[in-house]
Amino acid sequence: MKPLNEKNILKDATINKVQFDKEWFYKFDDIAFYLKEDLTEVDCIYLPMMIDGEQEFVKCCTYEDIIRGRKEFK
């Protein structure tokens, strides 16, 4: 399992992310590709996100959701 650090995810330009209030939400597909893992157990919601200058509703998850989902998957 690849180590996960939220600061590194925030810096990574290949992962689309959006901040609501004080919480960051990450595009689910980008995180799964970054980790190269099956994250089907991770809780997700759909949020509007600007991708390539266009607003799309994409499947997103929080850092805590990822950590929790990875533990349940193991």
PDB file of N, CA and C in Angstrom:
ATOM      1  N   MET A   1       0.849  -1.167   0.000  1.00  0.00           N
ATOM      2  CA  MET A   1       0.000   0.000   0.000  1.00  0.00           C
ATOM      3  C   MET A   1       0.903   1.241   0.000  1.00  0.00           C
ATOM      4  N   LYS A   2       0.647   2.152  -0.907  1.00  0.00           N
ATOM      5  CA  LYS A   2       1.434   3.377  -1.035  1.00  0.00           C
ATOM      6  C   LYS A   2       1.166   4.302   0.155  1.00  0.00           C
ATOM      7  N   PRO A   3       2.233   4.852   0.776  1.00  0.00           N
ATOM      8  CA  PRO A   3       2.010   5.789   1.885  1.00  0.00           C
ATOM      9  C   PRO A   3       1.247   7.018   1.397  1.00  0.00           C
ATOM     10  N   LEU A   4       0.418   7.552   2.264  1.00  0.00           N
ATOM     11  CA  LEU A   4      -0.434   8.668   1.890  1.00  0.00           C
ATOM     12  C   LEU A   4      -0.206   9.832   2.843  1.00  0.00           C
ATOM     13  N   ASN A   5       0.058  11.001   2.282  1.00  0.00           N
ATOM     14  CA  ASN A   5       0.290  12.202   3.058  1.00  0.00           C
ATOM     15  C   ASN A   5      -0.533  13.317   2.419  1.00  0.00           C
ATOM     16  N   GLU A   6      -1.415  13.935   3.196  1.00  0.00           N
ATOM     17  CA  GLU A   6      -2.320  14.936   2.633  1.00  0.00           C
ATOM     18  C   GLU A   6      -1.571  16.138   2.049  1.00  0.00           C
ATOM     19  N   LYS A   7      -0.472  16.529   2.639  1.00  0.00           N
ATOM     20  CA  LYS A   7       0.304  17.659   2.104  1.00  0.00           C
ATOM     21  C   LYS A   7       0.820  17.353   0.699  1.00  0.00           C
ATOM     22  N   ASN A   8       1.245  16.107   0.479  1.00  0.00           N
ATOM     23  CA  ASN A   8       1.727  15.715  -0.846  1.00  0.00           C
ATOM     24  C   ASN A   8       0.597  15.691  -1.868  1.00  0.00           C
ATOM     25  N   ILE A   9      -0.575  15.268  -1.440  1.00  0.00           N
ATOM     26  CA  ILE A   9      -1.736  15.239  -2.342  1.00  0.00           C
ATOM     27  C   ILE A   9      -2.133  16.661  -2.726  1.00  0.00           C
ATOM     28  N   LEU A  10      -2.102  17.572  -1.775  1.00  0.00           N
ATOM     29  CA  LEU A  10      -2.456  18.964  -2.063  1.00  0.00           C
ATOM     30  C   LEU A  10      -1.480  19.597  -3.052  1.00  0.00           C
ATOM     31  N   LYS A  11      -0.219  19.205  -3.005  1.00  0.00           N
ATOM     32  CA  LYS A  11       0.800  19.757  -3.893  1.00  0.00           C
ATOM     33  C   LYS A  11       0.769  19.122  -5.282  1.00  0.00           C
ATOM     34  N   ASP A  12       0.229  17.914  -5.394  1.00  0.00           N
ATOM     35  CA  ASP A  12       0.246  17.174  -6.653  1.00  0.00           C
ATOM     36  C   ASP A  12      -0.732  17.790  -7.648  1.00  0.00           C
ATOM     37  N   ALA A  13      -0.213  18.277  -8.755  1.00  0.00           N
ATOM     38  CA  ALA A  13      -1.037  18.954  -9.762  1.00  0.00           C
ATOM     39  C   ALA A  13      -1.866  17.981 -10.593  1.00  0.00           C
ATOM     40  N   THR A  14      -1.550  16.690 -10.543  1.00  0.00           N
ATOM     41  CA  THR A  14      -2.307  15.715 -11.339  1.00  0.00           C
ATOM     42  C   THR A  14      -3.615  15.314 -10.672  1.00  0.00           C
ATOM     43  N   ILE A  15      -3.780  15.685  -9.403  1.00  0.00           N
ATOM     44  CA  ILE A  15      -4.999  15.345  -8.666  1.00  0.00           C
ATOM     45  C   ILE A  15      -5.895  16.576  -8.612  1.00  0.00           C
ATOM     46  N   ASN A  16      -7.059  16.486  -9.230  1.00  0.00           N
ATOM     47  CA  ASN A  16      -8.028  17.582  -9.174  1.00  0.00           C
ATOM     48  C   ASN A  16      -8.627  17.614  -7.772  1.00  0.00           C
ATOM     49  N   LYS A  17      -8.771  18.827  -7.238  1.00  0.00           N
ATOM     50  CA  LYS A  17      -9.290  18.987  -5.880  1.00  0.00           C
ATOM     51  C   LYS A  17     -10.060  20.287  -5.775  1.00  0.00           C
ATOM     52  N   VAL A  18     -10.944  20.324  -4.782  1.00  0.00           N
ATOM     53  CA  VAL A  18     -11.727  21.525  -4.535  1.00  0.00           C
ATOM     54  C   VAL A  18     -11.913  21.644  -3.019  1.00  0.00           C
ATOM     55  N   GLN A  19     -11.924  22.883  -2.534  1.00  0.00           N
ATOM     56  CA  GLN A  19     -12.088  23.103  -1.098  1.00  0.00           C
ATOM     57  C   GLN A  19     -13.467  23.691  -0.826  1.00  0.00           C
ATOM     58  N   PHE A  20     -14.200  23.059   0.090  1.00  0.00           N
ATOM     59  CA  PHE A  20     -15.474  23.571   0.587  1.00  0.00           C
ATOM     60  C   PHE A  20     -15.311  23.791   2.076  1.00  0.00           C
ATOM     61  N   ASP A  21     -15.642  24.999   2.525  1.00  0.00           N
ATOM     62  CA  ASP A  21     -15.375  25.418   3.904  1.00  0.00           C
ATOM     63  C   ASP A  21     -13.890  25.227   4.166  1.00  0.00           C
ATOM     64  N   LYS A  22     -13.526  24.368   5.080  1.00  0.00           N
ATOM     65  CA  LYS A  22     -12.106  24.140   5.374  1.00  0.00           C
ATOM     66  C   LYS A  22     -11.659  22.747   4.973  1.00  0.00           C
ATOM     67  N   GLU A  23     -12.494  22.009   4.295  1.00  0.00           N
ATOM     68  CA  GLU A  23     -12.190  20.627   3.947  1.00  0.00           C
ATOM     69  C   GLU A  23     -11.911  20.483   2.457  1.00  0.00           C
ATOM     70  N   TRP A  24     -10.871  19.730   2.140  1.00  0.00           N
ATOM     71  CA  TRP A  24     -10.519  19.458   0.752  1.00  0.00           C
ATOM     72  C   TRP A  24     -11.194  18.186   0.285  1.00  0.00           C
ATOM     73  N   PHE A  25     -11.697  18.218  -0.944  1.00  0.00           N
ATOM     74  CA  PHE A  25     -12.287  17.054  -1.588  1.00  0.00           C
ATOM     75  C   PHE A  25     -11.472  16.765  -2.843  1.00  0.00           C
ATOM     76  N   TYR A  26     -11.162  15.501  -3.047  1.00  0.00           N
ATOM     77  CA  TYR A  26     -10.306  15.078  -4.146  1.00  0.00           C
ATOM     78  C   TYR A  26     -11.111  14.249  -5.142  1.00  0.00           C
ATOM     79  N   LYS A  27     -10.797  14.426  -6.421  1.00  0.00           N
ATOM     80  CA  LYS A  27     -11.484  13.655  -7.451  1.00  0.00           C
ATOM     81  C   LYS A  27     -11.132  12.176  -7.265  1.00  0.00           C
ATOM     82  N   PHE A  28     -12.149  11.363  -7.130  1.00  0.00           N
ATOM     83  CA  PHE A  28     -11.995   9.949  -6.803  1.00  0.00           C
ATOM     84  C   PHE A  28     -11.099   9.222  -7.803  1.00  0.00           C
ATOM     85  N   ASP A  29     -11.322   9.419  -9.089  1.00  0.00           N
ATOM     86  CA  ASP A  29     -10.541   8.715 -10.115  1.00  0.00           C
ATOM     87  C   ASP A  29      -9.061   9.100 -10.050  1.00  0.00           C
ATOM     88  N   ASP A  30      -8.779  10.366  -9.762  1.00  0.00           N
ATOM     89  CA  ASP A  30      -7.393  10.820  -9.667  1.00  0.00           C
ATOM     90  C   ASP A  30      -6.681  10.176  -8.486  1.00  0.00           C
ATOM     91  N   ILE A  31      -7.366  10.076  -7.356  1.00  0.00           N
ATOM     92  CA  ILE A  31      -6.776   9.458  -6.159  1.00  0.00           C
ATOM     93  C   ILE A  31      -6.531   7.967  -6.395  1.00  0.00           C
ATOM     94  N   ALA A  32      -7.498   7.287  -6.995  1.00  0.00           N
ATOM     95  CA  ALA A  32      -7.343   5.858  -7.278  1.00  0.00           C
ATOM     96  C   ALA A  32      -6.156   5.622  -8.210  1.00  0.00           C
ATOM     97  N   PHE A  33      -5.998   6.463  -9.226  1.00  0.00           N
ATOM     98  CA  PHE A  33      -4.876   6.344 -10.145  1.00  0.00           C
ATOM     99  C   PHE A  33      -3.556   6.639  -9.432  1.00  0.00           C
ATOM    100  N   TYR A  34      -3.541   7.669  -8.598  1.00  0.00           N
ATOM    101  CA  TYR A  34      -2.341   8.056  -7.841  1.00  0.00           C
ATOM    102  C   TYR A  34      -1.883   6.919  -6.923  1.00  0.00           C
ATOM    103  N   LEU A  35      -2.829   6.298  -6.234  1.00  0.00           N
ATOM    104  CA  LEU A  35      -2.496   5.229  -5.294  1.00  0.00           C
ATOM    105  C   LEU A  35      -2.347   3.868  -5.973  1.00  0.00           C
ATOM    106  N   LYS A  36      -2.903   3.738  -7.194  1.00  0.00           N
ATOM    107  CA  LYS A  36      -2.915   2.467  -7.917  1.00  0.00           C
ATOM    108  C   LYS A  36      -3.549   1.370  -7.056  1.00  0.00           C
ATOM    109  N   GLU A  37      -4.718   1.710  -6.496  1.00  0.00           N
ATOM    110  CA  GLU A  37      -5.455   0.793  -5.626  1.00  0.00           C
ATOM    111  C   GLU A  37      -6.932   0.802  -5.987  1.00  0.00           C
ATOM    112  N   ASP A  38      -7.613  -0.266  -5.589  1.00  0.00           N
ATOM    113  CA  ASP A  38      -9.062  -0.340  -5.718  1.00  0.00           C
ATOM    114  C   ASP A  38      -9.654   0.355  -4.497  1.00  0.00           C
ATOM    115  N   LEU A  39     -10.341   1.455  -4.712  1.00  0.00           N
ATOM    116  CA  LEU A  39     -10.899   2.230  -3.599  1.00  0.00           C
ATOM    117  C   LEU A  39     -12.417   2.151  -3.556  1.00  0.00           C
ATOM    118  N   THR A  40     -12.980   1.028  -3.924  1.00  0.00           N
ATOM    119  CA  THR A  40     -14.430   0.900  -3.978  1.00  0.00           C
ATOM    120  C   THR A  40     -15.091   1.049  -2.618  1.00  0.00           C
ATOM    121  N   GLU A  41     -14.355   0.861  -1.532  1.00  0.00           N
ATOM    122  CA  GLU A  41     -14.919   0.978  -0.185  1.00  0.00           C
ATOM    123  C   GLU A  41     -14.930   2.412   0.334  1.00  0.00           C
ATOM    124  N   VAL A  42     -14.372   3.344  -0.424  1.00  0.00           N
ATOM    125  CA  VAL A  42     -14.285   4.741   0.010  1.00  0.00           C
ATOM    126  C   VAL A  42     -15.622   5.437  -0.228  1.00  0.00           C
ATOM    127  N   ASP A  43     -16.117   6.156   0.794  1.00  0.00           N
ATOM    128  CA  ASP A  43     -17.346   6.934   0.677  1.00  0.00           C
ATOM    129  C   ASP A  43     -17.106   8.139  -0.219  1.00  0.00           C
ATOM    130  N   CYS A  44     -18.047   8.403  -1.119  1.00  0.00           N
ATOM    131  CA  CYS A  44     -17.885   9.500  -2.076  1.00  0.00           C
ATOM    132  C   CYS A  44     -19.161  10.319  -2.196  1.00  0.00           C
ATOM    133  N   ILE A  45     -18.994  11.538  -2.674  1.00  0.00           N
ATOM    134  CA  ILE A  45     -20.121  12.399  -3.010  1.00  0.00           C
ATOM    135  C   ILE A  45     -19.813  13.045  -4.360  1.00  0.00           C
ATOM    136  N   TYR A  46     -20.811  13.630  -4.983  1.00  0.00           N
ATOM    137  CA  TYR A  46     -20.606  14.327  -6.255  1.00  0.00           C
ATOM    138  C   TYR A  46     -20.608  15.830  -5.997  1.00  0.00           C
ATOM    139  N   LEU A  47     -19.551  16.494  -6.459  1.00  0.00           N
ATOM    140  CA  LEU A  47     -19.390  17.932  -6.253  1.00  0.00           C
ATOM    141  C   LEU A  47     -19.011  18.608  -7.571  1.00  0.00           C
ATOM    142  N   PRO A  48     -19.353  19.900  -7.700  1.00  0.00           N
ATOM    143  CA  PRO A  48     -18.911  20.627  -8.893  1.00  0.00           C
ATOM    144  C   PRO A  48     -17.417  20.933  -8.789  1.00  0.00           C
ATOM    145  N   MET A  49     -16.700  20.720  -9.897  1.00  0.00           N
ATOM    146  CA  MET A  49     -15.272  20.958  -9.909  1.00  0.00           C
ATOM    147  C   MET A  49     -14.884  21.518 -11.275  1.00  0.00           C
ATOM    148  N   MET A  50     -13.992  22.487 -11.283  1.00  0.00           N
ATOM    149  CA  MET A  50     -13.494  23.042 -12.538  1.00  0.00           C
ATOM    150  C   MET A  50     -12.379  22.154 -13.068  1.00  0.00           C
ATOM    151  N   ILE A  51     -12.595  21.581 -14.252  1.00  0.00           N
ATOM    152  CA  ILE A  51     -11.594  20.733 -14.893  1.00  0.00           C
ATOM    153  C   ILE A  51     -11.415  21.231 -16.317  1.00  0.00           C
ATOM    154  N   ASP A  52     -10.199  21.621 -16.639  1.00  0.00           N
ATOM    155  CA  ASP A  52      -9.883  22.165 -17.968  1.00  0.00           C
ATOM    156  C   ASP A  52     -10.799  23.329 -18.330  1.00  0.00           C
ATOM    157  N   GLY A  53     -11.089  24.181 -17.347  1.00  0.00           N
ATOM    158  CA  GLY A  53     -11.888  25.370 -17.595  1.00  0.00           C
ATOM    159  C   GLY A  53     -13.385  25.141 -17.680  1.00  0.00           C
ATOM    160  N   GLU A  54     -13.834  23.911 -17.467  1.00  0.00           N
ATOM    161  CA  GLU A  54     -15.261  23.609 -17.505  1.00  0.00           C
ATOM    162  C   GLU A  54     -15.698  23.026 -16.167  1.00  0.00           C
ATOM    163  N   GLN A  55     -16.895  23.419 -15.729  1.00  0.00           N
ATOM    164  CA  GLN A  55     -17.421  22.887 -14.478  1.00  0.00           C
ATOM    165  C   GLN A  55     -18.094  21.547 -14.744  1.00  0.00           C
ATOM    166  N   GLU A  56     -17.691  20.544 -13.969  1.00  0.00           N
ATOM    167  CA  GLU A  56     -18.269  19.207 -14.073  1.00  0.00           C
ATOM    168  C   GLU A  56     -18.626  18.725 -12.673  1.00  0.00           C
ATOM    169  N   PHE A  57     -19.636  17.873 -12.586  1.00  0.00           N
ATOM    170  CA  PHE A  57     -19.946  17.208 -11.326  1.00  0.00           C
ATOM    171  C   PHE A  57     -19.200  15.886 -11.328  1.00  0.00           C
ATOM    172  N   VAL A  58     -18.274  15.742 -10.386  1.00  0.00           N
ATOM    173  CA  VAL A  58     -17.432  14.549 -10.339  1.00  0.00           C
ATOM    174  C   VAL A  58     -17.517  13.879  -8.972  1.00  0.00           C
ATOM    175  N   LYS A  59     -17.190  12.615  -8.960  1.00  0.00           N
ATOM    176  CA  LYS A  59     -17.168  11.816  -7.742  1.00  0.00           C
ATOM    177  C   LYS A  59     -15.947  12.236  -6.924  1.00  0.00           C
ATOM    178  N   CYS A  60     -16.179  12.678  -5.682  1.00  0.00           N
ATOM    179  CA  CYS A  60     -15.110  13.199  -4.829  1.00  0.00           C
ATOM    180  C   CYS A  60     -15.112  12.520  -3.462  1.00  0.00           C
ATOM    181  N   CYS A  61     -13.968  12.582  -2.796  1.00  0.00           N
ATOM    182  CA  CYS A  61     -13.852  12.047  -1.444  1.00  0.00           C
ATOM    183  C   CYS A  61     -12.871  12.900  -0.653  1.00  0.00           C
ATOM    184  N   THR A  62     -12.966  12.818   0.651  1.00  0.00           N
ATOM    185  CA  THR A  62     -12.056  13.553   1.526  1.00  0.00           C
ATOM    186  C   THR A  62     -10.858  12.670   1.875  1.00  0.00           C
ATOM    187  N   TYR A  63      -9.854  13.276   2.439  1.00  0.00           N
ATOM    188  CA  TYR A  63      -8.673  12.537   2.888  1.00  0.00           C
ATOM    189  C   TYR A  63      -9.076  11.494   3.937  1.00  0.00           C
ATOM    190  N   GLU A  64      -9.948  11.892   4.865  1.00  0.00           N
ATOM    191  CA  GLU A  64     -10.394  10.976   5.913  1.00  0.00           C
ATOM    192  C   GLU A  64     -11.165   9.791   5.324  1.00  0.00           C
ATOM    193  N   ASP A  65     -11.978  10.062   4.292  1.00  0.00           N
ATOM    194  CA  ASP A  65     -12.707   8.977   3.623  1.00  0.00           C
ATOM    195  C   ASP A  65     -11.740   7.971   3.009  1.00  0.00           C
ATOM    196  N   ILE A  66     -10.672   8.483   2.408  1.00  0.00           N
ATOM    197  CA  ILE A  66      -9.677   7.606   1.786  1.00  0.00           C
ATOM    198  C   ILE A  66      -9.014   6.724   2.834  1.00  0.00           C
ATOM    199  N   ILE A  67      -8.580   7.336   3.925  1.00  0.00           N
ATOM    200  CA  ILE A  67      -7.920   6.578   5.000  1.00  0.00           C
ATOM    201  C   ILE A  67      -8.860   5.520   5.561  1.00  0.00           C
ATOM    202  N   ARG A  68     -10.091   5.911   5.844  1.00  0.00           N
ATOM    203  CA  ARG A  68     -11.074   4.982   6.402  1.00  0.00           C
ATOM    204  C   ARG A  68     -11.368   3.846   5.419  1.00  0.00           C
ATOM    205  N   GLY A  69     -11.528   4.158   4.151  1.00  0.00           N
ATOM    206  CA  GLY A  69     -11.819   3.163   3.131  1.00  0.00           C
ATOM    207  C   GLY A  69     -10.671   2.197   2.916  1.00  0.00           C
ATOM    208  N   ARG A  70      -9.459   2.699   2.992  1.00  0.00           N
ATOM    209  CA  ARG A  70      -8.293   1.837   2.830  1.00  0.00           C
ATOM    210  C   ARG A  70      -8.200   0.860   3.992  1.00  0.00           C
ATOM    211  N   LYS A  71      -8.511   1.295   5.225  1.00  0.00           N
ATOM    212  CA  LYS A  71      -8.450   0.403   6.382  1.00  0.00           C
ATOM    213  C   LYS A  71      -9.511  -0.670   6.282  1.00  0.00           C
ATOM    214  N   GLU A  72     -10.720  -0.307   5.831  1.00  0.00           N
ATOM    215  CA  GLU A  72     -11.794  -1.291   5.701  1.00  0.00           C
ATOM    216  C   GLU A  72     -11.483  -2.290   4.601  1.00  0.00           C
ATOM    217  N   PHE A  73     -10.811  -1.837   3.562  1.00  0.00           N
ATOM    218  CA  PHE A  73     -10.495  -2.703   2.437  1.00  0.00           C
ATOM    219  C   PHE A  73      -9.493  -3.773   2.827  1.00  0.00           C
ATOM    220  N   LYS A  74      -8.562  -3.416   3.728  1.00  0.00           N
ATOM    221  CA  LYS A  74      -7.519  -4.334   4.157  1.00  0.00           C
ATOM    222  C   LYS A  74      -8.037  -5.386   5.008  1.00  0.00           C
TER     223      LYS A  74
END
